[in-house]
């Protein structure tokens, strides 16, 4: 049994297709089928039930699946630890974040990919509950969010920067010229909020005061990108991070009086888990990019 055979097995199990797995592994379908046949012969059992529509795991395949994950993950960790000692950056780095933080992380991702071409960057945009599951199961090397969980016994949270929640609207909205808004102003407007599982909604619920009660919530949307597209084409307002509206010409972000106090944007690492050097490098790069952007913004405002 070879590790590469287990990788092929996992690729087929995850995609439900030999052809999709062959594309993922950059191997011909006949070659990957042959390697699975060798693995099945060695184990003395079939691992997949093949049909014209989909490939599914047999009972033996279901038993092998978690073990294969552990073996492949352990092999990857061995390579990465040795590479870290040698001062090399390669392998994979998996980060998780909510879509609302994409504008904060985007340029760091681009710079990291340029400077470290031997590291494959895997990025998962998920709501907070899913990020927590992925973190706890060890499927993320680092996660980014505004909120720190009440139970911090399993996670180490490191501050990255401070951010503010703002009212985001069309730049032609009647309130778009205001320097700031209060919840009294917002109660008279049509509000669209992210679904409760999304980062912004959780942050809003966590930090809003009683003055926010009575907002006229017209819609709740579970996708941040779709929400912003909706805001672009009507006079509704949403509450999101101050940088959400950046790079979208039609939108603007107005500070909210009751939310002027900045919130902390954290990087989360699983306590007790091996921290990849690439994760530390990425975090340092993210901080550097954010500071550069702050300096540029300050210079332009003078």
Protein backbone atom coordinates (compact mmCIF):
# COMPACT_ATOMS: atom_id res chain seq x y z
CA UNK A 1 0.00 0.00 0.00
CA UNK A 2 1.39 3.38 -1.01
CA UNK A 3 0.47 6.87 0.13
CA UNK A 4 -0.18 7.98 -3.45
CA UNK A 5 -2.77 5.20 -3.78
CA UNK A 6 -4.54 6.52 -0.69
CA UNK A 7 -4.49 10.02 -2.21
CA UNK A 8 -6.14 8.68 -5.36
CA UNK A 9 -8.68 6.80 -3.22
CA UNK A 10 -9.53 10.03 -1.32
CA UNK A 11 -9.85 12.03 -4.55
CA UNK A 12 -12.36 9.54 -5.95
CA UNK A 13 -14.28 9.42 -2.66
CA UNK A 14 -14.52 13.23 -2.53
CA UNK A 15 -15.47 13.77 -6.18
CA UNK A 16 -17.56 10.62 -6.72
CA UNK A 17 -15.89 10.20 -10.09
CA UNK A 18 -12.77 8.54 -11.49
CA UNK A 19 -12.56 11.14 -14.27
CA UNK A 20 -12.83 14.09 -11.85
CA UNK A 21 -10.27 12.47 -9.56
CA UNK A 22 -7.87 11.97 -12.46
CA UNK A 23 -8.10 15.68 -13.32
CA UNK A 24 -7.51 16.65 -9.71
CA UNK A 25 -4.49 14.35 -9.43
CA UNK A 26 -3.13 15.25 -12.91
CA UNK A 27 -3.14 11.57 -13.87
CA UNK A 28 -4.86 9.68 -16.65
CA UNK A 29 -8.09 7.91 -15.74
CA UNK A 30 -6.67 4.54 -16.74
CA UNK A 31 -3.62 5.06 -14.51
CA UNK A 32 -5.70 6.05 -11.48
CA UNK A 33 -8.05 3.08 -12.08
CA UNK A 34 -5.05 0.75 -12.21
CA UNK A 35 -3.67 2.07 -8.92
CA UNK A 36 -7.05 1.61 -7.21
CA UNK A 37 -7.21 -1.93 -8.59
CA UNK A 38 -3.78 -2.64 -7.07
CA UNK A 39 -4.95 -1.23 -3.74
CA UNK A 40 -8.15 -3.29 -3.80
CA UNK A 41 -6.21 -6.45 -4.66
CA UNK A 42 -3.84 -5.85 -1.74
CA UNK A 43 -6.73 -5.27 0.68
CA UNK A 44 -8.72 -8.15 -0.80
CA UNK A 45 -11.92 -6.16 -1.14
CA UNK A 46 -13.68 -3.66 -3.39
CA UNK A 47 -13.58 -0.04 -2.25
CA UNK A 48 -16.07 1.45 -4.70
CA UNK A 49 -19.39 0.54 -6.26
CA UNK A 50 -19.33 1.79 -9.83
CA UNK A 51 -22.44 2.80 -11.76
CA UNK A 52 -23.11 4.82 -14.89
CA UNK A 53 -24.07 7.83 -12.78
CA UNK A 54 -21.77 7.91 -9.76
CA UNK A 55 -19.07 6.09 -7.87
CA UNK A 56 -19.86 5.43 -4.18
CA UNK A 57 -17.90 3.85 -1.37
CA UNK A 58 -18.52 0.25 -0.36
CA UNK A 59 -18.64 -0.67 3.33
CA UNK A 60 -14.91 -1.43 3.15
CA UNK A 61 -14.32 1.93 1.52
CA UNK A 62 -16.21 3.69 4.32
CA UNK A 63 -13.95 1.95 6.86
CA UNK A 64 -10.81 2.95 4.96
CA UNK A 65 -11.84 6.60 4.46
CA UNK A 66 -10.98 8.10 7.91
CA UNK A 67 -7.80 6.03 8.15
CA UNK A 68 -6.67 7.19 4.70
CA UNK A 69 -7.26 10.81 5.72
CA UNK A 70 -5.07 10.36 8.81
CA UNK A 71 -2.26 8.67 6.86
CA UNK A 72 -2.22 11.25 4.06
CA UNK A 73 -2.45 14.16 6.52
CA UNK A 74 0.40 12.69 8.59
CA UNK A 75 2.55 12.28 5.47
CA UNK A 76 1.88 15.87 4.42
CA UNK A 77 2.72 17.11 7.90
CA UNK A 78 6.00 15.17 7.88
CA UNK A 79 7.05 16.83 4.62
CA UNK A 80 6.02 20.28 5.83
CA UNK A 81 7.81 19.97 9.18
CA UNK A 82 11.03 18.87 7.51
CA UNK A 83 10.69 21.69 4.99
CA UNK A 84 10.11 24.18 7.81
CA UNK A 85 13.33 23.06 9.52
CA UNK A 86 15.16 23.53 6.23
CA UNK A 87 13.69 27.02 5.87
CA UNK A 88 11.69 26.13 2.75
CA UNK A 89 8.09 26.97 2.03
CA UNK A 90 6.16 24.42 0.02
CA UNK A 91 3.19 22.09 0.32
CA UNK A 92 -0.29 23.43 1.03
CA UNK A 93 -1.77 26.16 3.22
CA UNK A 94 -5.51 26.06 3.92
CA UNK A 95 -7.15 29.19 5.25
CA UNK A 96 -10.79 29.82 6.12
CA UNK A 97 -12.71 33.08 6.28
CA UNK A 98 -16.17 34.49 5.86
CA UNK A 99 -16.92 36.30 2.57
CA UNK A 100 -17.18 39.64 4.39
CA UNK A 101 -13.45 39.57 5.14
CA UNK A 102 -12.39 38.84 1.55
CA UNK A 103 -11.42 42.46 0.89
CA UNK A 104 -9.02 42.39 3.84
CA UNK A 105 -7.28 39.18 2.78
CA UNK A 106 -7.33 39.46 -1.03
CA UNK A 107 -4.06 41.35 -1.60
CA UNK A 108 -2.18 39.24 0.92
CA UNK A 109 -3.28 36.12 -0.97
CA UNK A 110 -2.07 37.56 -4.28
CA UNK A 111 1.29 38.57 -2.82
CA UNK A 112 1.72 35.22 -1.08
CA UNK A 113 0.99 33.30 -4.31
CA UNK A 114 3.55 35.41 -6.18
CA UNK A 115 6.32 35.09 -3.59
CA UNK A 116 5.77 31.43 -2.70
CA UNK A 117 4.81 29.56 -5.89
CA UNK A 118 5.63 26.20 -4.32
CA UNK A 119 2.86 26.57 -1.73
CA UNK A 120 -0.64 25.76 -2.92
CA UNK A 121 -3.10 28.10 -1.24
CA UNK A 122 -6.50 26.56 -0.44
CA UNK A 123 -9.13 29.13 0.54
CA UNK A 124 -12.50 28.24 2.03
CA UNK A 125 -15.19 30.93 2.30
CA UNK A 126 -17.67 29.67 4.89
CA UNK A 127 -20.09 30.98 7.53
CA UNK A 128 -18.80 30.95 11.10
CA UNK A 129 -20.41 27.64 12.22
CA UNK A 130 -18.77 25.81 9.31
CA UNK A 131 -15.40 27.47 9.98
CA UNK A 132 -15.59 26.27 13.58
CA UNK A 133 -16.28 22.69 12.44
CA UNK A 134 -13.37 22.83 9.98
CA UNK A 135 -11.05 24.27 12.63
CA UNK A 136 -11.98 21.69 15.26
CA UNK A 137 -11.47 18.83 12.79
CA UNK A 138 -8.03 20.15 11.81
CA UNK A 139 -9.01 20.91 8.21
CA UNK A 140 -7.87 24.55 8.41
CA UNK A 141 -4.37 25.81 9.13
CA UNK A 142 -5.72 29.25 10.08
CA UNK A 143 -9.15 30.90 10.13
CA UNK A 144 -10.07 34.60 10.13
CA UNK A 145 -13.13 36.17 11.76
CA UNK A 146 -14.30 39.16 13.76
CA UNK A 147 -15.79 37.14 16.58
CA UNK A 148 -13.94 35.07 19.18
CA UNK A 149 -15.94 32.10 20.44
CA UNK A 150 -17.03 32.13 24.09
CA UNK A 151 -15.22 28.81 24.57
CA UNK A 152 -11.60 29.61 23.73
CA UNK A 153 -10.06 26.52 25.32
CA UNK A 154 -9.48 24.90 21.93
CA UNK A 155 -8.34 27.91 19.89
CA UNK A 156 -5.62 30.56 20.02
CA UNK A 157 -6.93 33.88 18.68
CA UNK A 158 -4.37 36.47 17.55
CA UNK A 159 -5.44 40.08 16.74
CA UNK A 160 -4.73 41.10 13.14
CA UNK A 161 -6.23 44.58 12.88
CA UNK A 162 -9.23 46.67 13.92
CA UNK A 163 -12.25 47.14 11.68
CA UNK A 164 -15.58 48.96 11.87
CA UNK A 165 -19.10 47.99 10.92
CA UNK A 166 -20.80 50.56 8.67
CA UNK A 167 -24.02 51.18 6.80
CA UNK A 168 -23.41 50.12 3.18
CA UNK A 169 -25.60 51.61 0.45
CA UNK A 170 -25.67 52.93 -3.11
CA UNK A 171 -23.64 56.09 -3.57
CA UNK A 172 -26.81 57.73 -4.91
CA UNK A 173 -28.80 56.95 -1.76
CA UNK A 174 -30.24 60.06 -0.04
CA UNK A 175 -28.11 59.28 3.04
CA UNK A 176 -24.88 58.65 1.13
CA UNK A 177 -23.55 62.20 1.68
CA UNK A 178 -23.82 61.98 5.46
CA UNK A 179 -20.58 61.75 7.45
CA UNK A 180 -22.22 59.33 9.88
CA UNK A 181 -25.59 57.78 10.68
CA UNK A 182 -27.42 56.73 13.81
CA UNK A 183 -29.75 53.80 14.32
CA UNK A 184 -32.54 56.37 14.50
CA UNK A 185 -31.70 57.24 10.87
CA UNK A 186 -31.57 53.58 9.88
CA UNK A 187 -34.92 52.70 11.48
CA UNK A 188 -36.56 54.80 8.79
CA UNK A 189 -34.88 52.86 5.95
CA UNK A 190 -35.33 49.45 4.31
CA UNK A 191 -32.64 47.16 5.72
CA UNK A 192 -31.20 43.97 4.22
CA UNK A 193 -29.14 41.82 6.58
CA UNK A 194 -26.89 38.80 6.12
CA UNK A 195 -28.25 35.48 7.38
CA UNK A 196 -27.54 34.80 11.03
CA UNK A 197 -24.81 32.27 10.22
CA UNK A 198 -22.75 34.82 8.30
CA UNK A 199 -19.91 36.81 9.85
CA UNK A 200 -21.48 40.25 9.51
CA UNK A 201 -24.84 39.25 10.98
CA UNK A 202 -23.16 37.56 13.94
CA UNK A 203 -20.98 40.61 14.47
CA UNK A 204 -23.96 42.94 14.15
CA UNK A 205 -25.99 40.91 16.64
CA UNK A 206 -23.03 40.77 19.03
CA UNK A 207 -22.27 44.49 18.96
CA UNK A 208 -25.61 46.18 18.30
CA UNK A 209 -27.27 48.10 21.10
CA UNK A 210 -30.95 48.26 22.02
CA UNK A 211 -31.15 51.37 19.87
CA UNK A 212 -30.98 49.08 16.84
CA UNK A 213 -34.28 47.47 17.74
CA UNK A 214 -37.06 48.31 15.34
CA UNK A 215 -34.97 48.23 12.16
CA UNK A 216 -37.17 47.62 9.12
CA UNK A 217 -35.54 44.40 7.90
CA UNK A 218 -36.95 43.71 4.44
CA UNK A 219 -34.77 40.73 3.51
CA UNK A 220 -32.22 38.30 4.95
CA UNK A 221 -29.71 36.82 2.51
CA UNK A 222 -27.24 33.98 3.09
CA UNK A 223 -24.64 35.11 0.55
CA UNK A 224 -22.62 38.31 0.99
CA UNK A 225 -21.94 38.77 -2.73
CA UNK A 226 -25.61 38.38 -3.63
CA UNK A 227 -26.53 40.81 -0.88
CA UNK A 228 -24.17 43.47 -2.25
CA UNK A 229 -25.52 42.99 -5.75
CA UNK A 230 -29.03 43.59 -4.40
CA UNK A 231 -27.91 46.77 -2.64
CA UNK A 232 -26.42 48.07 -5.89
CA UNK A 233 -29.81 48.13 -7.59
CA UNK A 234 -32.13 49.59 -4.95
CA UNK A 235 -32.15 51.97 -1.99
CA UNK A 236 -31.89 49.33 0.72
CA UNK A 237 -29.09 49.51 3.28
CA UNK A 238 -27.04 46.71 4.84
CA UNK A 239 -24.58 46.65 7.75
CA UNK A 240 -21.16 45.30 6.86
CA UNK A 241 -17.46 45.94 7.42
CA UNK A 242 -16.18 49.33 6.29
CA UNK A 243 -14.11 47.89 3.46
CA UNK A 244 -16.95 45.87 1.96
CA UNK A 245 -17.88 48.75 -0.34
CA UNK A 246 -14.32 49.31 -1.53
CA UNK A 247 -13.70 48.32 -5.14
CA UNK A 248 -17.46 48.48 -5.86
CA UNK A 249 -17.97 51.80 -7.60
CA UNK A 250 -21.71 51.97 -6.98
CA UNK A 251 -21.48 51.51 -3.19
CA UNK A 252 -20.30 53.52 -0.21
CA UNK A 253 -19.88 52.84 3.53
CA UNK A 254 -21.07 55.35 6.15
CA UNK A 255 -19.99 55.00 9.82
CA UNK A 256 -22.72 54.27 12.38
CA UNK A 257 -22.56 56.40 15.54
CA UNK A 258 -23.35 53.52 17.89
CA UNK A 259 -20.72 51.27 16.25
CA UNK A 260 -17.83 53.74 16.11
CA UNK A 261 -15.75 51.62 18.46
CA UNK A 262 -13.56 49.36 16.28
CA UNK A 263 -13.94 45.59 16.39
CA UNK A 264 -10.95 43.24 16.32
CA UNK A 265 -10.25 41.03 13.30
CA UNK A 266 -8.59 37.80 14.53
CA UNK A 267 -6.52 34.96 13.15
CA UNK A 268 -7.44 31.65 14.82
CA UNK A 269 -5.15 28.65 15.26
CA UNK A 270 -6.07 25.30 16.74
CA UNK A 271 -4.37 24.91 20.12
CA UNK A 272 -1.94 22.02 20.33
CA UNK A 273 -1.79 21.57 16.55
CA UNK A 274 1.39 22.00 14.55
CA UNK A 275 1.54 25.53 13.14
CA UNK A 276 2.94 25.58 9.65
CA UNK A 277 5.63 28.11 8.89
CA UNK A 278 3.64 29.10 5.80
CA UNK A 279 0.69 30.04 8.08
CA UNK A 280 2.93 32.31 10.16
CA UNK A 281 4.39 33.86 7.00
CA UNK A 282 0.90 34.46 5.59
CA UNK A 283 -0.27 36.13 8.81
CA UNK A 284 2.78 38.41 8.86
CA UNK A 285 2.19 39.26 5.20
CA UNK A 286 -1.48 40.03 5.85
CA UNK A 287 -0.54 42.45 8.63
CA UNK A 288 2.04 44.09 6.40
CA UNK A 289 -0.42 44.55 3.53
CA UNK A 290 -3.04 46.04 5.85
CA UNK A 291 -0.52 48.51 7.30
CA UNK A 292 0.61 49.51 3.81
CA UNK A 293 -3.00 50.14 2.79
CA UNK A 294 -3.60 52.22 5.94
CA UNK A 295 -0.52 54.35 5.21
CA UNK A 296 -1.60 54.85 1.60
CA UNK A 297 -5.12 55.82 2.64
CA UNK A 298 -3.76 58.30 5.20
CA UNK A 299 -1.46 59.85 2.60
CA UNK A 300 -4.32 60.27 0.11
CA UNK A 301 -6.54 61.92 2.71
CA UNK A 302 -3.99 64.67 3.49
